[in-house]
Protein backbone atom coordinates (compact mmCIF):
# COMPACT_ATOMS: atom_id res chain seq x y z
CA UNK A 1 79.39 83.91 155.99
CA UNK A 2 80.71 86.06 153.15
CA UNK A 3 81.25 89.05 155.48
CA UNK A 4 83.11 86.86 157.96
CA UNK A 5 85.37 85.50 155.22
CA UNK A 6 86.09 89.01 153.93
CA UNK A 7 86.86 90.22 157.43
CA UNK A 8 89.30 87.33 158.01
CA UNK A 9 91.04 87.99 154.69
CA UNK A 10 91.51 91.67 155.57
CA UNK A 11 92.92 90.78 158.98
CA UNK A 12 95.36 88.27 157.47
CA UNK A 13 96.50 90.76 154.84
CA UNK A 14 97.00 93.44 157.50
CA UNK A 15 99.03 91.03 159.65
CA UNK A 16 101.21 90.07 156.66
CA UNK A 17 101.91 93.71 155.82
CA UNK A 18 102.75 94.51 159.44
CA UNK A 19 105.13 91.54 159.60
CA UNK A 20 107.06 92.89 156.59
CA UNK A 21 107.72 96.36 157.99
CA UNK A 22 110.95 97.45 159.58
CA UNK A 23 110.90 97.02 163.36
CA UNK A 24 110.55 99.96 165.71
CA UNK A 25 111.70 100.46 169.27
CA UNK A 26 110.54 102.68 172.12
CA UNK A 27 112.49 105.89 172.66
CA UNK A 28 115.70 105.48 174.65
CA UNK A 29 116.02 101.73 173.90
CA UNK A 30 119.63 100.71 174.29
CA UNK A 31 121.22 98.94 171.36
CA UNK A 32 121.98 95.69 173.19
CA UNK A 33 118.25 95.28 173.96
CA UNK A 34 117.26 96.17 170.41
CA UNK A 35 119.88 93.73 169.09
CA UNK A 36 118.46 90.88 171.20
CA UNK A 37 114.95 91.69 169.97
CA UNK A 38 116.07 91.68 166.34
CA UNK A 39 117.68 88.27 166.71
CA UNK A 40 114.51 86.92 168.37
CA UNK A 41 112.43 88.31 165.47
CA UNK A 42 114.58 86.49 162.90
CA UNK A 43 116.78 89.39 161.76
CA UNK A 44 120.41 88.57 160.98
CA UNK A 45 123.46 90.85 161.15
CA UNK A 46 124.31 92.07 157.65
CA UNK A 47 128.02 92.79 157.76
CA UNK A 48 129.66 94.67 154.95
CA UNK A 49 132.80 93.28 153.39
CA UNK A 50 134.90 96.28 154.42
CA UNK A 51 135.77 97.01 158.04
CA UNK A 52 133.57 99.64 159.73
CA UNK A 53 134.29 103.23 158.78
CA UNK A 54 135.81 105.50 161.43
CA UNK A 55 136.32 102.72 163.99
CA UNK A 56 139.39 102.60 166.15
CA UNK A 57 140.65 99.14 167.12
CA UNK A 58 139.80 99.74 170.78
CA UNK A 59 136.21 100.91 170.07
CA UNK A 60 133.87 98.26 171.53
CA UNK A 61 130.95 99.66 169.51
CA UNK A 62 132.62 98.24 166.41
CA UNK A 63 132.85 94.67 167.66
CA UNK A 64 129.41 93.72 166.33
CA UNK A 65 129.52 92.10 162.87
CA UNK A 66 126.64 94.32 161.70
CA UNK A 67 128.58 97.56 162.34
CA UNK A 68 128.65 99.77 159.26
CA UNK A 69 130.28 102.82 160.83
CA UNK A 70 130.82 104.66 164.12
CA UNK A 71 131.90 108.27 164.52
CA UNK A 72 134.89 108.97 166.68
CA UNK A 73 133.73 112.43 167.71
CA UNK A 74 130.59 114.39 168.50
CA UNK A 75 127.54 112.48 169.65
CA UNK A 76 129.04 109.06 168.95
CA UNK A 77 126.69 107.95 166.18
CA UNK A 78 126.90 104.35 164.89
CA UNK A 79 125.10 102.67 162.02
CA UNK A 80 124.31 98.95 162.07
CA UNK A 81 122.87 96.86 159.22
CA UNK A 82 120.43 93.97 159.58
CA UNK A 83 118.71 91.68 157.07
CA UNK A 84 115.62 89.51 157.14
CA UNK A 85 114.89 87.81 153.87
CA UNK A 86 115.55 90.40 151.18
CA UNK A 87 114.82 93.40 153.42
CA UNK A 88 117.81 95.40 154.68
CA UNK A 89 117.53 97.91 157.52
CA UNK A 90 119.93 100.33 159.18
CA UNK A 91 119.83 101.23 162.83
CA UNK A 92 121.33 104.52 163.98
CA UNK A 93 122.50 104.82 167.57
CA UNK A 94 123.88 107.66 169.65
CA UNK A 95 126.29 107.59 172.57
CA UNK A 96 129.74 106.24 173.18
CA UNK A 97 129.20 103.87 176.09
CA UNK A 98 125.47 103.27 176.36
CA UNK A 99 124.26 103.36 172.79
CA UNK A 100 120.65 104.45 172.37
CA UNK A 101 118.65 103.62 169.22
CA UNK A 102 117.64 106.87 167.54
CA UNK A 103 116.16 105.53 164.29
CA UNK A 104 115.47 102.44 162.19
CA UNK A 105 115.37 102.87 158.41
CA UNK A 106 114.67 100.41 155.66
CA UNK A 107 117.30 100.74 152.93
CA UNK A 108 116.59 97.85 150.51
CA UNK A 109 113.54 95.87 149.45
CA UNK A 110 111.27 97.99 151.62
CA UNK A 111 107.57 97.30 151.69
């Protein structure tokens, strides 16, 4: 009985830790799919008070409230911020039209 209880406690602790980590996405996931997944998982856009850096008015990549910045040249990188509870993450994408998630990084209250 004691071994079973210990095993269950370890499994619950592992599940709690996994639930608190920043999400990850398969390679080549487009941002719109990742965005839908984040919303389903309870993440909320975390807009900054200032308008996105380096965004032209016609740039559709900058229409999301979570947009932090988008480059106007080169590989078309954009950074988006999301929050769940106290945890803040940034998602980096690449590409002008079809944005592909290249990384997810925890930037505040990481566990």
